[in-house]
Protein backbone atom coordinates (compact mmCIF):
# COMPACT_ATOMS: atom_id res chain seq x y z
CA MET A 1 79.59 103.65 138.73
CA ASP A 2 80.00 100.05 139.80
CA THR A 3 77.89 98.85 136.84
CA PHE A 4 80.62 100.23 134.48
CA LEU A 5 83.11 97.36 134.15
CA GLY A 6 86.83 97.72 134.61
CA ASN A 7 88.76 101.05 134.68
CA ASP A 8 88.81 100.96 138.48
CA GLY A 9 91.42 103.73 138.84
CA LEU A 10 89.42 106.02 136.61
CA LYS A 11 86.18 105.29 138.47
CA GLN A 12 87.86 105.91 141.84
CA ARG A 13 89.16 109.24 140.52
CA LEU A 14 85.71 110.31 139.41
CA SER A 15 84.02 109.10 142.61
CA THR A 16 86.47 111.14 144.71
CA ALA A 17 85.89 114.24 142.60
CA LEU A 18 82.16 113.73 142.82
CA ALA A 19 82.25 113.33 146.61
CA LYS A 20 84.31 116.50 147.00
CA GLY A 21 82.13 118.48 144.51
CA GLN A 22 85.17 118.97 142.29
CA LEU A 23 83.94 117.56 138.99
CA SER A 24 85.33 119.36 135.95
CA HIS A 25 83.13 121.34 133.59
CA CYS A 26 84.74 119.62 130.57
CA TYR A 27 85.81 116.00 130.20
CA LEU A 28 87.52 114.34 127.20
CA LEU A 29 86.74 110.65 127.08
CA THR A 30 89.18 108.77 124.82
CA GLY A 31 89.44 105.23 123.60
CA PRO A 32 88.79 103.13 120.51
CA VAL A 33 85.30 102.24 119.26
CA GLY A 34 83.80 99.77 121.70
CA SER A 35 85.83 100.89 124.69
CA GLY A 36 82.82 102.14 126.61
CA LYS A 37 83.08 105.96 126.07
CA ARG A 38 79.35 106.42 125.54
CA THR A 39 78.48 104.18 128.49
CA LEU A 40 80.82 106.09 130.87
CA ALA A 41 79.49 109.43 129.55
CA LYS A 42 75.97 108.31 130.29
CA TYR A 43 76.81 107.31 133.88
CA LEU A 44 78.83 110.48 134.41
CA ALA A 45 75.92 112.61 133.23
CA ALA A 46 73.53 110.61 135.52
CA ALA A 47 75.87 111.26 138.46
CA MET A 48 75.79 115.00 137.77
CA GLN A 49 72.04 115.07 137.70
CA CYS A 50 71.32 112.47 140.37
CA THR A 51 69.26 113.40 143.44
CA GLY A 52 69.95 110.13 145.34
CA SER A 53 72.31 109.55 148.18
CA SER A 54 74.85 107.52 146.26
CA ARG A 55 75.51 109.09 142.85
CA PRO A 56 74.61 107.89 140.31
CA CYS A 57 71.90 105.90 142.12
CA LEU A 58 70.40 104.89 138.75
CA GLN A 59 66.96 104.84 140.38
CA CYS A 60 65.91 108.50 140.91
CA PRO A 61 63.83 110.23 138.20
CA GLN A 62 66.89 112.29 137.08
CA CYS A 63 69.00 109.16 136.64
CA ARG A 64 66.29 107.27 134.80
CA LYS A 65 65.79 110.11 132.38
CA VAL A 66 69.49 110.31 131.63
CA LEU A 67 69.77 106.52 131.12
CA GLY A 68 66.59 106.58 128.96
CA GLY A 69 67.97 109.35 126.78
CA VAL A 70 65.09 111.72 127.53
CA HIS A 71 66.61 114.13 130.01
CA PRO A 72 65.95 117.74 128.74
CA ASP A 73 69.32 118.94 130.11
CA LEU A 74 71.45 116.37 128.37
CA ILE A 75 71.94 117.63 124.82
CA THR A 76 73.64 115.55 122.16
CA VAL A 77 75.48 117.71 119.61
CA ASP A 78 75.80 115.56 116.47
CA ASP A 79 74.36 114.91 113.03
CA PRO A 80 75.04 111.20 112.26
CA GLU A 81 74.29 111.78 108.54
CA LYS A 82 77.15 114.26 108.23
CA LYS A 83 80.79 113.16 108.15
CA ILE A 84 81.86 116.49 109.69
CA ILE A 85 79.74 117.96 112.48
CA PRO A 86 78.19 121.20 111.17
CA VAL A 87 79.50 124.35 112.80
CA LYS A 88 75.91 125.53 113.15
CA LEU A 89 75.17 122.78 115.68
CA VAL A 90 78.08 124.00 117.76
CA ARG A 91 76.95 127.62 117.56
CA ASP A 92 73.40 126.56 118.50
CA ALA A 93 74.76 124.68 121.56
CA CYS A 94 76.80 127.69 122.60
CA ALA A 95 73.74 129.90 122.36
CA ASP A 96 71.60 127.43 124.29
CA LEU A 97 74.25 127.19 127.02
CA TYR A 98 73.16 130.50 128.53
CA ILE A 99 69.58 129.31 129.04
CA ARG A 100 69.38 127.77 132.50
CA PRO A 101 68.68 124.06 132.96
CA ASN A 102 65.07 122.94 132.67
CA GLU A 103 65.07 120.65 135.71
CA GLY A 104 68.54 119.27 136.33
CA GLN A 105 71.45 120.61 138.34
CA LYS A 106 73.57 120.78 135.23
CA LYS A 107 73.19 121.41 131.54
CA ILE A 108 75.34 118.83 129.80
CA TYR A 109 76.45 118.90 126.21
CA LEU A 110 77.55 115.55 124.79
CA PHE A 111 79.73 115.44 121.66
CA PRO A 112 79.87 111.75 120.73
CA ARG A 113 82.12 112.44 117.74
CA ALA A 114 84.31 115.30 118.93
CA GLN A 115 87.07 114.16 116.56
CA ASP A 116 84.68 115.00 113.66
CA LEU A 117 84.63 118.72 114.55
CA ASN A 118 86.60 120.73 112.01
CA PRO A 119 88.98 123.49 113.21
CA GLN A 120 86.26 126.12 112.87
CA GLY A 121 83.84 124.00 114.93
CA GLN A 122 86.52 123.38 117.56
CA ASN A 123 87.36 127.06 117.83
CA THR A 124 83.69 127.87 118.20
CA LEU A 125 83.41 125.24 120.96
CA LEU A 126 86.56 126.69 122.63
CA LYS A 127 84.75 129.95 123.34
CA CYS A 128 82.06 128.02 125.24
CA ILE A 129 84.36 125.85 127.34
CA GLU A 130 86.71 128.67 128.33
CA GLU A 131 84.24 130.32 130.77
CA PRO A 132 80.93 128.54 130.82
CA PRO A 133 78.20 129.31 133.41
CA ALA A 134 78.48 127.33 136.61
CA TYR A 135 75.83 124.79 135.48
CA GLY A 136 77.48 124.14 132.05
CA VAL A 137 79.22 120.86 131.39
CA PHE A 138 80.84 119.39 128.25
CA LEU A 139 81.52 115.70 127.55
CA LEU A 140 83.71 115.26 124.51
CA LEU A 141 84.21 111.74 123.08
CA ALA A 142 87.08 110.95 120.75
CA GLU A 143 89.25 107.92 119.84
CA HIS A 144 92.44 109.88 120.41
CA ALA A 145 93.04 113.14 122.30
CA GLU A 146 95.40 114.25 119.51
CA GLN A 147 92.47 114.55 117.17
CA LEU A 148 91.46 117.77 118.98
CA LEU A 149 93.23 121.11 119.00
CA PRO A 150 95.76 121.61 121.89
CA THR A 151 93.71 124.61 123.05
CA ILE A 152 90.68 122.36 123.51
CA ARG A 153 92.67 119.59 125.22
CA SER A 154 94.29 122.08 127.62
CA ARG A 155 90.83 122.92 129.03
CA CYS A 156 89.65 119.31 129.39
CA VAL A 157 90.20 116.61 131.97
CA GLU A 158 91.07 113.52 129.91
CA LEU A 159 89.55 110.16 130.88
CA ARG A 160 91.42 107.51 128.91
CA LEU A 161 89.58 104.18 128.93
CA SER A 162 91.61 100.97 129.28
CA PRO A 163 90.97 97.35 128.16
CA LEU A 164 89.30 95.00 130.64
CA PRO A 165 91.28 92.32 132.44
CA GLU A 166 91.03 89.08 130.55
CA ALA A 167 89.21 87.18 133.30
CA LEU A 168 86.61 89.98 133.68
CA LEU A 169 86.05 90.21 129.93
CA ARG A 170 85.56 86.42 129.57
CA GLN A 171 83.21 86.37 132.59
CA GLU A 172 81.04 89.15 131.16
CA LEU A 173 80.93 87.66 127.63
CA THR A 174 80.00 84.24 129.04
CA ARG A 175 77.22 85.80 131.15
CA ARG A 176 75.81 87.72 128.13
CA TYR A 177 76.25 84.83 125.62
CA PRO A 178 75.73 81.59 127.50
CA ASN A 179 75.25 79.62 124.26
CA ALA A 180 78.49 80.78 122.70
CA GLY A 181 81.25 78.14 122.75
CA PRO A 182 84.63 78.71 124.42
CA GLU A 183 86.38 79.04 121.10
CA SER A 184 83.95 81.73 119.91
CA ILE A 185 84.43 83.61 123.23
CA ARG A 186 88.19 83.35 122.94
CA ALA A 187 88.10 84.55 119.29
CA ALA A 188 85.95 87.55 120.18
CA MET A 189 88.28 88.42 123.07
CA GLU A 190 91.38 88.34 120.94
CA ARG A 191 89.78 90.36 118.15
CA SER A 192 88.55 92.99 120.67
CA GLY A 193 91.90 94.02 122.15
CA GLY A 194 90.24 93.70 125.59
CA TYR A 195 87.42 96.11 124.94
CA LEU A 196 83.92 94.78 125.74
CA GLY A 197 82.08 96.67 123.02
CA LYS A 198 84.33 95.30 120.28
CA ALA A 199 84.00 91.72 121.69
CA VAL A 200 80.17 92.03 121.79
CA THR A 201 80.13 93.23 118.19
CA ALA A 202 82.26 90.32 117.14
CA LEU A 203 79.95 87.81 118.81
CA GLU A 204 76.81 89.38 117.51
CA GLU A 205 78.15 89.51 114.00
CA ALA A 206 79.02 85.87 114.26
CA GLY A 207 75.80 84.48 115.77
CA ASP A 208 74.89 80.83 115.10
CA LEU A 209 75.81 79.53 111.66
CA LEU A 210 72.83 78.94 109.42
CA PRO A 211 72.55 75.49 107.70
CA GLN A 212 73.22 77.14 104.38
CA SER A 213 76.48 78.62 105.78
CA LYS A 214 77.70 75.28 107.06
CA ALA A 215 76.85 73.74 103.71
CA LEU A 216 78.69 76.46 101.84
CA ALA A 217 81.78 76.04 103.91
CA GLU A 218 81.76 72.30 103.24
CA ALA A 219 81.22 72.79 99.48
CA LEU A 220 84.09 75.27 99.29
CA CYS A 221 86.40 73.08 101.30
CA GLN A 222 85.62 70.20 99.00
CA ASN A 223 86.04 72.37 95.94
CA SER A 224 82.86 70.66 94.68
CA PRO A 225 80.72 72.44 92.11
CA GLY A 226 78.01 69.86 92.57
CA ALA A 227 77.88 70.42 96.34
CA LEU A 228 77.74 74.19 95.73
CA LEU A 229 74.79 73.79 93.39
CA ARG A 230 72.98 71.71 96.01
CA VAL A 231 73.40 74.70 98.35
CA THR A 232 72.35 77.51 96.01
CA ALA A 233 69.59 75.81 93.98
CA PRO A 234 67.03 75.58 96.89
CA MET A 235 67.74 79.20 97.76
CA GLU A 236 66.33 80.38 94.40
CA LYS A 237 62.86 80.00 95.94
CA LEU A 238 63.56 82.32 98.87
CA LYS A 239 62.31 85.88 99.05
CA ARG A 240 64.87 88.67 98.92
CA GLU A 241 64.43 89.44 102.65
CA GLN A 242 65.14 85.79 103.42
CA LEU A 243 68.18 85.60 101.08
CA LEU A 244 70.00 88.75 102.23
CA PRO A 245 70.77 87.55 105.85
CA ILE A 246 72.27 84.34 104.41
CA LEU A 247 74.50 86.25 102.04
CA GLN A 248 75.56 88.55 104.85
CA GLN A 249 76.56 85.64 107.05
CA TRP A 250 78.44 84.04 104.16
CA GLN A 251 80.44 87.23 103.84
CA VAL A 252 81.18 87.30 107.55
CA LEU A 253 82.27 83.66 107.34
CA LEU A 254 84.69 84.22 104.46
CA ALA A 255 86.08 87.42 105.97
CA ALA A 256 86.70 85.55 109.25
CA ALA A 257 88.48 82.79 107.28
CA LEU A 258 90.78 85.42 105.71
CA ARG A 259 91.58 86.79 109.16
CA CYS A 260 92.31 83.28 110.36
CA GLN A 261 94.92 82.98 107.56
CA CYS A 262 96.54 86.09 109.04
CA GLY A 263 96.81 84.44 112.42
CA GLN A 264 93.66 85.56 114.16
CA PRO A 265 91.60 82.93 116.00
CA ALA A 266 88.71 81.30 114.20
CA LEU A 267 85.17 82.42 115.01
CA TYR A 268 83.89 79.00 113.97
CA PRO A 269 85.55 75.67 113.24
CA GLU A 270 84.37 76.17 109.63
CA CYS A 271 86.59 79.31 109.39
CA ALA A 272 89.72 77.28 110.31
CA ARG A 273 88.85 74.70 107.67
CA LEU A 274 88.25 77.33 104.97
CA ALA A 275 91.46 79.04 105.86
CA GLN A 276 93.30 75.75 105.49
CA LYS A 277 91.60 74.48 102.35
CA CYS A 278 91.07 77.68 100.35
CA SER A 279 93.65 80.16 99.05
CA ALA A 280 93.51 83.83 100.05
CA ALA A 281 92.89 84.73 96.37
CA ALA A 282 89.90 82.42 96.24
CA LEU A 283 88.42 83.69 99.49
CA LEU A 284 88.83 87.29 98.27
CA SER A 285 87.22 86.48 94.95
CA ASP A 286 84.28 84.77 96.66
CA THR A 287 83.92 87.71 99.10
CA GLU A 288 83.67 90.11 96.12
CA ALA A 289 81.05 87.85 94.48
CA LEU A 290 78.99 87.97 97.63
CA ARG A 291 79.31 91.76 97.84
CA GLN A 292 77.87 92.03 94.32
CA ALA A 293 75.14 89.54 95.10
CA MET A 294 74.03 91.62 98.09
CA GLU A 295 73.99 94.73 96.01
CA LEU A 296 71.74 92.95 93.48
CA CYS A 297 69.54 91.71 96.31
CA GLU A 298 69.08 95.22 97.63
CA ALA A 299 68.36 96.40 94.10
CA ASN A 300 65.37 94.04 93.86
CA VAL A 301 66.95 91.65 91.35
CA GLY A 302 65.29 88.24 91.38
CA THR A 303 66.63 85.68 93.81
CA ALA A 304 66.88 83.00 91.11
CA HIS A 305 69.22 85.23 89.07
CA ILE A 306 71.27 86.05 92.14
CA CYS A 307 71.70 82.39 93.14
CA GLY A 308 72.56 81.44 89.56
CA LEU A 309 75.25 84.15 89.52
CA LEU A 310 76.69 82.91 92.85
CA ALA A 311 76.81 79.30 91.64
CA THR A 312 78.84 80.50 88.66
CA ARG A 313 81.17 82.85 90.59
CA LEU A 314 81.94 80.96 93.76
């Protein structure tokens, strides 16, 4: 699991259990969004199915199928469209558990939102994890162990994911985003709490500022209606699919300026200027105006009308 960054103690613990053939039949992976729970679950599942000499080898057919999300014996139990995971899905998984694996050594059931099982679903799951067949494995992912019933937790081995060391996180972000400036990297790191997934999300949400975004920041900092009109007027000719990404980045920019006022590092120099020149009330009002403009854009309202509204509201 060397390709999984950080968490060296946890990886050593798993490697030792794997070498001794003492892996648990039920693991509870905990940590905030972006902490790497899904990545670790993927590598753990690959290690269980791997036919190579060093597990997971990431090269054998079993590993490649797990990593590609097409292994028939890795079953994801979830319905992303439902806030609460339906109990029927859990019952179906429990029934399927007693059908032997198709081709793997284990039959692995992945619950990516275990915290979204209601008490009935958890109690149904409990019956499965109490005495599963030898090939049955459960990987439960949750932000906090306390979100699951004590009876579930008592039958799991918890793997609590930790933040990455600062130097390792900076090194990985710099490798992935060579064009990102040091300030953007630092801001993403501080916003992430040390978790790679959160830092990556922060950088990808930021991206490079569009010319319209830089111009908007300058107009707002100058408190200049004329400058604002010079930004919005040419945008009236854009198509809706061209206008929407600009509005989305404007909202990210203003939200980042608000966070900057609360002491968080600036994603862009423009954020720091906006935080200094604009009041929180003004930034909140402009953010609301952008939210309404994006709703109108998605409702197929004409771009000229949307840009005129923004010129009035901002």
